Amino acid sequence: MYSIGELSKRTAVKVPTIRYYEEIGLIEPFDRTSGNQRRYDPEGLRRLTFIKHARDLGLPLDAIRDLIAMEDTPGRPCSVAHSIARSHLNHIRERIARLQRLEAELARIAATHDHGTIETCGVLEALGDHHGCTTDHRSLDRE
């Protein structure tokens, strides 16, 4: 059995995050001690490791919840899990494309060769006028 602190150390997930995952039903303590401390069994450790890895890959909690539900129903087709992974991969690819547009625009702005004063600073001018941008980066999520 693992205390919440031990679980945190083994998974590199902070204690408040473990409590949050418990609160939203992603993990459950195996039992509580007479002192009402949370205790987790090896399955709790495995589940938290699963969640941590999925979060490290950027999967949203709703997708993780769906994947956990699939794990709990082993006869279900794997195609649904593949669909979740493909959907997230497409989201990541779209985000990468937006970030590349943002990178190109910032590189263009940063390459401005100003030798004057702030009154004629190309960087400040570019940031003040979106019409001068060469790429459409406005749709970039504030992530």
N, C-alpha and C. Protein backbone atom coordinates (compact mmCIF):
# COMPACT_ATOMS: atom_id res chain seq x y z
N MET A 1 0.84 -1.19 0.00
CA MET A 1 0.00 0.00 0.00
C MET A 1 0.88 1.24 0.00
N TYR A 2 0.40 2.26 -0.64
CA TYR A 2 1.15 3.50 -0.78
C TYR A 2 0.37 4.65 -0.15
N SER A 3 1.07 5.50 0.55
CA SER A 3 0.46 6.75 1.01
C SER A 3 0.40 7.68 -0.19
N ILE A 4 -0.32 8.76 -0.06
CA ILE A 4 -0.41 9.72 -1.16
C ILE A 4 0.96 10.35 -1.43
N GLY A 5 1.75 10.54 -0.39
CA GLY A 5 3.09 11.08 -0.56
C GLY A 5 3.99 10.13 -1.33
N GLU A 6 3.90 8.83 -1.01
CA GLU A 6 4.69 7.83 -1.74
C GLU A 6 4.25 7.76 -3.20
N LEU A 7 2.96 7.82 -3.42
CA LEU A 7 2.43 7.80 -4.79
C LEU A 7 2.96 9.01 -5.56
N SER A 8 3.00 10.15 -4.91
CA SER A 8 3.50 11.37 -5.53
C SER A 8 4.97 11.21 -5.92
N LYS A 9 5.77 10.68 -5.02
CA LYS A 9 7.20 10.49 -5.30
C LYS A 9 7.43 9.51 -6.44
N ARG A 10 6.67 8.43 -6.47
CA ARG A 10 6.85 7.40 -7.49
C ARG A 10 6.41 7.85 -8.88
N THR A 11 5.47 8.78 -8.94
CA THR A 11 4.91 9.19 -10.24
C THR A 11 5.29 10.60 -10.66
N ALA A 12 5.87 11.38 -9.77
CA ALA A 12 6.17 12.79 -10.02
C ALA A 12 4.90 13.60 -10.27
N VAL A 13 3.81 13.19 -9.64
CA VAL A 13 2.56 13.93 -9.68
C VAL A 13 2.39 14.56 -8.30
N LYS A 14 2.13 15.84 -8.27
CA LYS A 14 2.01 16.54 -6.99
C LYS A 14 0.77 16.08 -6.22
N VAL A 15 0.88 16.11 -4.91
CA VAL A 15 -0.20 15.65 -4.04
C VAL A 15 -1.52 16.36 -4.34
N PRO A 16 -1.54 17.71 -4.51
CA PRO A 16 -2.82 18.34 -4.82
C PRO A 16 -3.42 17.83 -6.14
N THR A 17 -2.57 17.49 -7.10
CA THR A 17 -3.06 16.96 -8.37
C THR A 17 -3.65 15.58 -8.17
N ILE A 18 -3.02 14.75 -7.35
CA ILE A 18 -3.58 13.43 -7.05
C ILE A 18 -4.94 13.59 -6.39
N ARG A 19 -5.03 14.51 -5.45
CA ARG A 19 -6.33 14.75 -4.78
C ARG A 19 -7.38 15.21 -5.79
N TYR A 20 -6.95 16.07 -6.73
CA TYR A 20 -7.88 16.53 -7.77
C TYR A 20 -8.35 15.36 -8.63
N TYR A 21 -7.42 14.50 -9.06
CA TYR A 21 -7.79 13.33 -9.86
C TYR A 21 -8.75 12.44 -9.09
N GLU A 22 -8.54 12.35 -7.80
CA GLU A 22 -9.45 11.58 -6.96
C GLU A 22 -10.83 12.25 -6.91
N GLU A 23 -10.81 13.56 -6.74
CA GLU A 23 -12.06 14.33 -6.66
C GLU A 23 -12.90 14.19 -7.92
N ILE A 24 -12.26 14.15 -9.09
CA ILE A 24 -13.02 14.06 -10.35
C ILE A 24 -13.22 12.61 -10.80
N GLY A 25 -12.81 11.66 -9.98
CA GLY A 25 -13.11 10.26 -10.23
C GLY A 25 -12.15 9.52 -11.14
N LEU A 26 -10.97 10.07 -11.39
CA LEU A 26 -10.01 9.36 -12.24
C LEU A 26 -9.26 8.27 -11.48
N ILE A 27 -9.04 8.49 -10.20
CA ILE A 27 -8.42 7.47 -9.35
C ILE A 27 -9.19 7.40 -8.05
N GLU A 28 -9.03 6.28 -7.38
CA GLU A 28 -9.68 6.10 -6.08
C GLU A 28 -8.66 5.56 -5.09
N PRO A 29 -8.75 6.04 -3.85
CA PRO A 29 -7.88 5.42 -2.85
C PRO A 29 -8.38 3.99 -2.61
N PHE A 30 -7.46 3.09 -2.36
CA PHE A 30 -7.84 1.70 -2.09
C PHE A 30 -8.61 1.62 -0.79
N ASP A 31 -8.10 2.32 0.17
CA ASP A 31 -8.69 2.29 1.50
C ASP A 31 -8.16 3.49 2.27
N ARG A 32 -8.70 3.73 3.43
CA ARG A 32 -8.19 4.76 4.32
C ARG A 32 -7.80 4.12 5.63
N THR A 33 -6.76 4.68 6.21
CA THR A 33 -6.30 4.15 7.49
C THR A 33 -7.26 4.60 8.59
N SER A 34 -7.04 4.10 9.79
CA SER A 34 -7.87 4.53 10.93
C SER A 34 -7.72 6.03 11.17
N GLY A 35 -6.58 6.59 10.74
CA GLY A 35 -6.36 8.03 10.84
C GLY A 35 -6.89 8.78 9.62
N ASN A 36 -7.67 8.11 8.78
CA ASN A 36 -8.32 8.67 7.60
C ASN A 36 -7.32 9.10 6.52
N GLN A 37 -6.14 8.48 6.49
CA GLN A 37 -5.18 8.78 5.44
C GLN A 37 -5.48 7.92 4.22
N ARG A 38 -5.29 8.53 3.05
CA ARG A 38 -5.50 7.79 1.81
C ARG A 38 -4.42 6.72 1.66
N ARG A 39 -4.81 5.57 1.17
CA ARG A 39 -3.88 4.49 0.84
C ARG A 39 -4.23 4.01 -0.57
N TYR A 40 -3.20 3.71 -1.32
CA TYR A 40 -3.38 3.28 -2.71
C TYR A 40 -2.69 1.95 -2.91
N ASP A 41 -3.32 1.08 -3.69
CA ASP A 41 -2.75 -0.22 -3.99
C ASP A 41 -1.94 -0.13 -5.29
N PRO A 42 -1.29 -1.22 -5.69
CA PRO A 42 -0.51 -1.18 -6.94
C PRO A 42 -1.35 -0.76 -8.15
N GLU A 43 -2.62 -1.09 -8.18
CA GLU A 43 -3.49 -0.65 -9.29
C GLU A 43 -3.64 0.87 -9.29
N GLY A 44 -3.71 1.48 -8.11
CA GLY A 44 -3.77 2.94 -8.03
C GLY A 44 -2.50 3.57 -8.57
N LEU A 45 -1.37 2.97 -8.26
CA LEU A 45 -0.09 3.44 -8.79
C LEU A 45 -0.07 3.31 -10.31
N ARG A 46 -0.50 2.16 -10.82
CA ARG A 46 -0.53 1.94 -12.26
C ARG A 46 -1.47 2.94 -12.94
N ARG A 47 -2.62 3.18 -12.34
CA ARG A 47 -3.60 4.11 -12.92
C ARG A 47 -3.03 5.52 -12.95
N LEU A 48 -2.39 5.95 -11.87
CA LEU A 48 -1.82 7.29 -11.82
C LEU A 48 -0.67 7.42 -12.83
N THR A 49 0.12 6.37 -12.98
CA THR A 49 1.19 6.37 -13.98
C THR A 49 0.61 6.52 -15.38
N PHE A 50 -0.48 5.82 -15.65
CA PHE A 50 -1.20 5.92 -16.93
C PHE A 50 -1.65 7.37 -17.17
N ILE A 51 -2.29 7.95 -16.17
CA ILE A 51 -2.80 9.32 -16.28
C ILE A 51 -1.65 10.29 -16.51
N LYS A 52 -0.58 10.14 -15.74
CA LYS A 52 0.59 11.03 -15.86
C LYS A 52 1.16 10.97 -17.28
N HIS A 53 1.33 9.77 -17.81
CA HIS A 53 1.89 9.63 -19.16
C HIS A 53 0.94 10.24 -20.19
N ALA A 54 -0.35 10.00 -20.04
CA ALA A 54 -1.32 10.58 -20.97
C ALA A 54 -1.30 12.11 -20.90
N ARG A 55 -1.18 12.67 -19.69
CA ARG A 55 -1.10 14.12 -19.54
C ARG A 55 0.20 14.66 -20.13
N ASP A 56 1.31 13.91 -19.94
CA ASP A 56 2.58 14.32 -20.53
C ASP A 56 2.48 14.39 -22.05
N LEU A 57 1.63 13.55 -22.63
CA LEU A 57 1.41 13.56 -24.08
C LEU A 57 0.38 14.62 -24.48
N GLY A 58 -0.16 15.33 -23.50
CA GLY A 58 -1.07 16.43 -23.78
C GLY A 58 -2.52 16.04 -23.90
N LEU A 59 -2.87 14.81 -23.60
CA LEU A 59 -4.27 14.40 -23.71
C LEU A 59 -5.12 15.14 -22.68
N PRO A 60 -6.29 15.59 -23.10
CA PRO A 60 -7.17 16.26 -22.14
C PRO A 60 -7.79 15.25 -21.17
N LEU A 61 -8.22 15.74 -20.03
CA LEU A 61 -8.76 14.86 -19.00
C LEU A 61 -9.98 14.07 -19.49
N ASP A 62 -10.82 14.68 -20.33
CA ASP A 62 -11.98 13.95 -20.84
C ASP A 62 -11.56 12.74 -21.67
N ALA A 63 -10.53 12.90 -22.49
CA ALA A 63 -10.03 11.77 -23.28
C ALA A 63 -9.45 10.70 -22.36
N ILE A 64 -8.74 11.12 -21.33
CA ILE A 64 -8.18 10.17 -20.38
C ILE A 64 -9.29 9.41 -19.67
N ARG A 65 -10.34 10.13 -19.31
CA ARG A 65 -11.49 9.49 -18.65
C ARG A 65 -12.09 8.43 -19.58
N ASP A 66 -12.21 8.75 -20.87
CA ASP A 66 -12.75 7.79 -21.84
C ASP A 66 -11.84 6.57 -21.96
N LEU A 67 -10.53 6.80 -22.00
CA LEU A 67 -9.58 5.70 -22.12
C LEU A 67 -9.62 4.81 -20.88
N ILE A 68 -9.74 5.42 -19.72
CA ILE A 68 -9.84 4.64 -18.48
C ILE A 68 -11.12 3.80 -18.49
N ALA A 69 -12.21 4.40 -18.96
CA ALA A 69 -13.47 3.66 -19.04
C ALA A 69 -13.32 2.46 -19.97
N MET A 70 -12.57 2.63 -21.06
CA MET A 70 -12.33 1.51 -21.97
C MET A 70 -11.51 0.43 -21.30
N GLU A 71 -10.52 0.85 -20.53
CA GLU A 71 -9.69 -0.12 -19.80
C GLU A 71 -10.55 -0.95 -18.86
N ASP A 72 -11.56 -0.32 -18.32
CA ASP A 72 -12.44 -1.00 -17.37
C ASP A 72 -13.46 -1.91 -18.05
N THR A 73 -13.53 -1.87 -19.39
CA THR A 73 -14.41 -2.75 -20.16
C THR A 73 -13.57 -3.43 -21.24
N PRO A 74 -12.83 -4.46 -20.87
CA PRO A 74 -11.83 -5.05 -21.75
C PRO A 74 -12.37 -5.62 -23.07
N GLY A 75 -13.63 -5.94 -23.17
CA GLY A 75 -14.17 -6.50 -24.40
C GLY A 75 -14.48 -5.47 -25.47
N ARG A 76 -14.34 -4.23 -25.14
CA ARG A 76 -14.66 -3.13 -26.07
C ARG A 76 -13.61 -3.06 -27.19
N PRO A 77 -14.03 -2.69 -28.41
CA PRO A 77 -13.06 -2.61 -29.51
C PRO A 77 -12.01 -1.52 -29.27
N CYS A 78 -10.80 -1.80 -29.69
CA CYS A 78 -9.68 -0.88 -29.52
C CYS A 78 -9.76 0.30 -30.47
N SER A 79 -10.62 0.21 -31.47
CA SER A 79 -10.71 1.28 -32.47
C SER A 79 -11.06 2.62 -31.85
N VAL A 80 -11.80 2.61 -30.76
CA VAL A 80 -12.17 3.87 -30.10
C VAL A 80 -10.93 4.52 -29.49
N ALA A 81 -10.06 3.72 -28.89
CA ALA A 81 -8.81 4.25 -28.33
C ALA A 81 -7.95 4.83 -29.44
N HIS A 82 -7.88 4.13 -30.57
CA HIS A 82 -7.11 4.64 -31.71
C HIS A 82 -7.70 5.95 -32.22
N SER A 83 -9.00 6.04 -32.22
CA SER A 83 -9.66 7.27 -32.67
C SER A 83 -9.30 8.44 -31.77
N ILE A 84 -9.28 8.21 -30.46
CA ILE A 84 -8.90 9.26 -29.52
C ILE A 84 -7.45 9.69 -29.77
N ALA A 85 -6.56 8.72 -29.96
CA ALA A 85 -5.15 9.03 -30.21
C ALA A 85 -4.98 9.80 -31.52
N ARG A 86 -5.68 9.38 -32.58
CA ARG A 86 -5.58 10.09 -33.87
C ARG A 86 -6.13 11.51 -33.78
N SER A 87 -7.22 11.66 -33.08
CA SER A 87 -7.80 12.99 -32.91
C SER A 87 -6.83 13.92 -32.19
N HIS A 88 -6.20 13.41 -31.14
CA HIS A 88 -5.24 14.24 -30.40
C HIS A 88 -4.01 14.53 -31.27
N LEU A 89 -3.57 13.56 -32.04
CA LEU A 89 -2.44 13.77 -32.95
C LEU A 89 -2.76 14.88 -33.95
N ASN A 90 -3.98 14.86 -34.49
CA ASN A 90 -4.38 15.93 -35.43
C ASN A 90 -4.37 17.29 -34.74
N HIS A 91 -4.84 17.33 -33.51
CA HIS A 91 -4.82 18.59 -32.75
C HIS A 91 -3.39 19.08 -32.56
N ILE A 92 -2.49 18.17 -32.22
CA ILE A 92 -1.08 18.53 -32.02
C ILE A 92 -0.48 19.04 -33.33
N ARG A 93 -0.78 18.39 -34.44
CA ARG A 93 -0.25 18.83 -35.73
C ARG A 93 -0.76 20.22 -36.10
N GLU A 94 -2.04 20.49 -35.82
CA GLU A 94 -2.59 21.83 -36.08
C GLU A 94 -1.90 22.86 -35.20
N ARG A 95 -1.66 22.51 -33.97
CA ARG A 95 -1.00 23.42 -33.04
C ARG A 95 0.44 23.70 -33.49
N ILE A 96 1.13 22.67 -33.94
CA ILE A 96 2.50 22.84 -34.45
C ILE A 96 2.50 23.79 -35.64
N ALA A 97 1.55 23.62 -36.55
CA ALA A 97 1.47 24.50 -37.72
C ALA A 97 1.24 25.95 -37.29
N ARG A 98 0.36 26.16 -36.30
CA ARG A 98 0.12 27.53 -35.80
C ARG A 98 1.38 28.08 -35.15
N LEU A 99 2.07 27.24 -34.39
CA LEU A 99 3.31 27.69 -33.74
C LEU A 99 4.38 28.03 -34.78
N GLN A 100 4.43 27.29 -35.87
CA GLN A 100 5.41 27.59 -36.92
C GLN A 100 5.09 28.93 -37.59
N ARG A 101 3.81 29.23 -37.77
CA ARG A 101 3.44 30.54 -38.32
C ARG A 101 3.83 31.65 -37.35
N LEU A 102 3.60 31.41 -36.08
CA LEU A 102 3.98 32.38 -35.05
C LEU A 102 5.49 32.57 -35.03
N GLU A 103 6.23 31.48 -35.13
CA GLU A 103 7.68 31.56 -35.15
C GLU A 103 8.17 32.39 -36.34
N ALA A 104 7.60 32.16 -37.49
CA ALA A 104 8.01 32.89 -38.69
C ALA A 104 7.74 34.39 -38.53
N GLU A 105 6.61 34.73 -37.98
CA GLU A 105 6.27 36.14 -37.81
C GLU A 105 7.17 36.80 -36.78
N LEU A 106 7.42 36.14 -35.68
CA LEU A 106 8.31 36.71 -34.66
C LEU A 106 9.75 36.82 -35.17
N ALA A 107 10.18 35.86 -35.97
CA ALA A 107 11.53 35.95 -36.56
C ALA A 107 11.62 37.15 -37.49
N ARG A 108 10.56 37.38 -38.27
CA ARG A 108 10.54 38.54 -39.18
C ARG A 108 10.61 39.83 -38.38
N ILE A 109 9.81 39.91 -37.32
CA ILE A 109 9.79 41.12 -36.49
C ILE A 109 11.14 41.33 -35.80
N ALA A 110 11.70 40.25 -35.25
CA ALA A 110 12.97 40.36 -34.52
C ALA A 110 14.13 40.71 -35.43
N ALA A 111 14.01 40.41 -36.72
CA ALA A 111 15.09 40.67 -37.66
C ALA A 111 15.11 42.12 -38.14
N THR A 112 14.16 42.91 -37.67
CA THR A 112 14.12 44.32 -38.04
C THR A 112 15.42 44.99 -37.60
N HIS A 113 16.07 45.67 -38.52
CA HIS A 113 17.35 46.32 -38.20
C HIS A 113 17.10 47.80 -37.93
N ASP A 114 16.92 48.11 -36.66
CA ASP A 114 16.72 49.49 -36.23
C ASP A 114 17.99 49.98 -35.56
N HIS A 115 18.35 51.16 -35.89
CA HIS A 115 19.49 51.76 -35.21
C HIS A 115 19.09 53.09 -34.60
N GLY A 116 17.80 53.31 -34.59
CA GLY A 116 17.30 54.58 -34.07
C GLY A 116 16.91 54.45 -32.61
N THR A 117 15.90 55.21 -32.28
CA THR A 117 15.43 55.24 -30.90
C THR A 117 14.08 54.54 -30.83
N ILE A 118 13.57 54.46 -29.65
CA ILE A 118 12.29 53.80 -29.42
C ILE A 118 11.18 54.42 -30.29
N GLU A 119 11.26 55.70 -30.56
CA GLU A 119 10.22 56.35 -31.37
C GLU A 119 10.09 55.71 -32.75
N THR A 120 11.15 55.14 -33.27
CA THR A 120 11.12 54.53 -34.60
C THR A 120 11.43 53.04 -34.56
N CYS A 121 11.18 52.40 -33.44
CA CYS A 121 11.51 50.98 -33.25
C CYS A 121 10.57 50.10 -34.08
N GLY A 122 11.14 49.32 -34.97
CA GLY A 122 10.36 48.44 -35.85
C GLY A 122 9.61 47.36 -35.09
N VAL A 123 10.21 46.87 -34.01
CA VAL A 123 9.54 45.83 -33.23
C VAL A 123 8.26 46.39 -32.62
N LEU A 124 8.36 47.55 -32.00
CA LEU A 124 7.16 48.16 -31.39
C LEU A 124 6.14 48.52 -32.45
N GLU A 125 6.60 49.00 -33.59
CA GLU A 125 5.70 49.34 -34.69
C GLU A 125 4.98 48.08 -35.19
N ALA A 126 5.70 47.00 -35.35
CA ALA A 126 5.11 45.75 -35.83
C ALA A 126 4.08 45.21 -34.84
N LEU A 127 4.39 45.30 -33.56
CA LEU A 127 3.45 44.80 -32.56
C LEU A 127 2.20 45.67 -32.49
N GLY A 128 2.32 46.91 -32.87
CA GLY A 128 1.17 47.82 -32.83
C GLY A 128 0.28 47.76 -34.06
N ASP A 129 0.73 47.08 -35.11
CA ASP A 129 -0.06 47.04 -36.35
C ASP A 129 -0.05 45.63 -36.92
N HIS A 130 -1.12 44.92 -36.69
CA HIS A 130 -1.23 43.53 -37.15
C HIS A 130 -1.29 43.44 -38.68
N HIS A 131 -1.66 44.51 -39.34
CA HIS A 131 -1.78 44.49 -40.80
C HIS A 131 -0.45 44.26 -41.51
N GLY A 132 0.65 44.54 -40.83
CA GLY A 132 1.96 44.35 -41.44
C GLY A 132 2.47 42.92 -41.36
N CYS A 133 1.73 42.06 -40.69
CA CYS A 133 2.17 40.67 -40.53
C CYS A 133 2.09 39.93 -41.85
N THR A 134 3.01 39.01 -42.04
CA THR A 134 3.04 38.23 -43.28
C THR A 134 2.40 36.86 -43.13
N THR A 135 2.09 36.46 -41.91
CA THR A 135 1.42 35.18 -41.68
C THR A 135 0.19 35.40 -40.82
N ASP A 136 -0.78 34.51 -40.94
CA ASP A 136 -1.97 34.59 -40.10
C ASP A 136 -1.73 33.76 -38.85
N HIS A 137 -1.36 34.42 -37.81
CA HIS A 137 -1.07 33.73 -36.56
C HIS A 137 -2.09 34.09 -35.49
N ARG A 138 -3.12 34.84 -35.86
CA ARG A 138 -4.11 35.28 -34.87
C ARG A 138 -4.88 34.15 -34.24
N SER A 139 -5.00 33.03 -34.93
CA SER A 139 -5.80 31.93 -34.40
C SER A 139 -5.04 31.09 -33.38
N LEU A 140 -3.81 31.46 -33.07
CA LEU A 140 -3.02 30.68 -32.12
C LEU A 140 -3.68 30.69 -30.76
N ASP A 141 -3.94 29.49 -30.24
CA ASP A 141 -4.53 29.37 -28.92
C ASP A 141 -3.59 29.92 -27.87
N ARG A 142 -4.12 30.49 -26.85
CA ARG A 142 -3.30 30.97 -25.73
C ARG A 142 -3.15 29.81 -24.78
N GLU A 143 -2.24 28.90 -25.08
CA GLU A 143 -2.09 27.68 -24.29
C GLU A 143 -0.94 27.77 -23.35
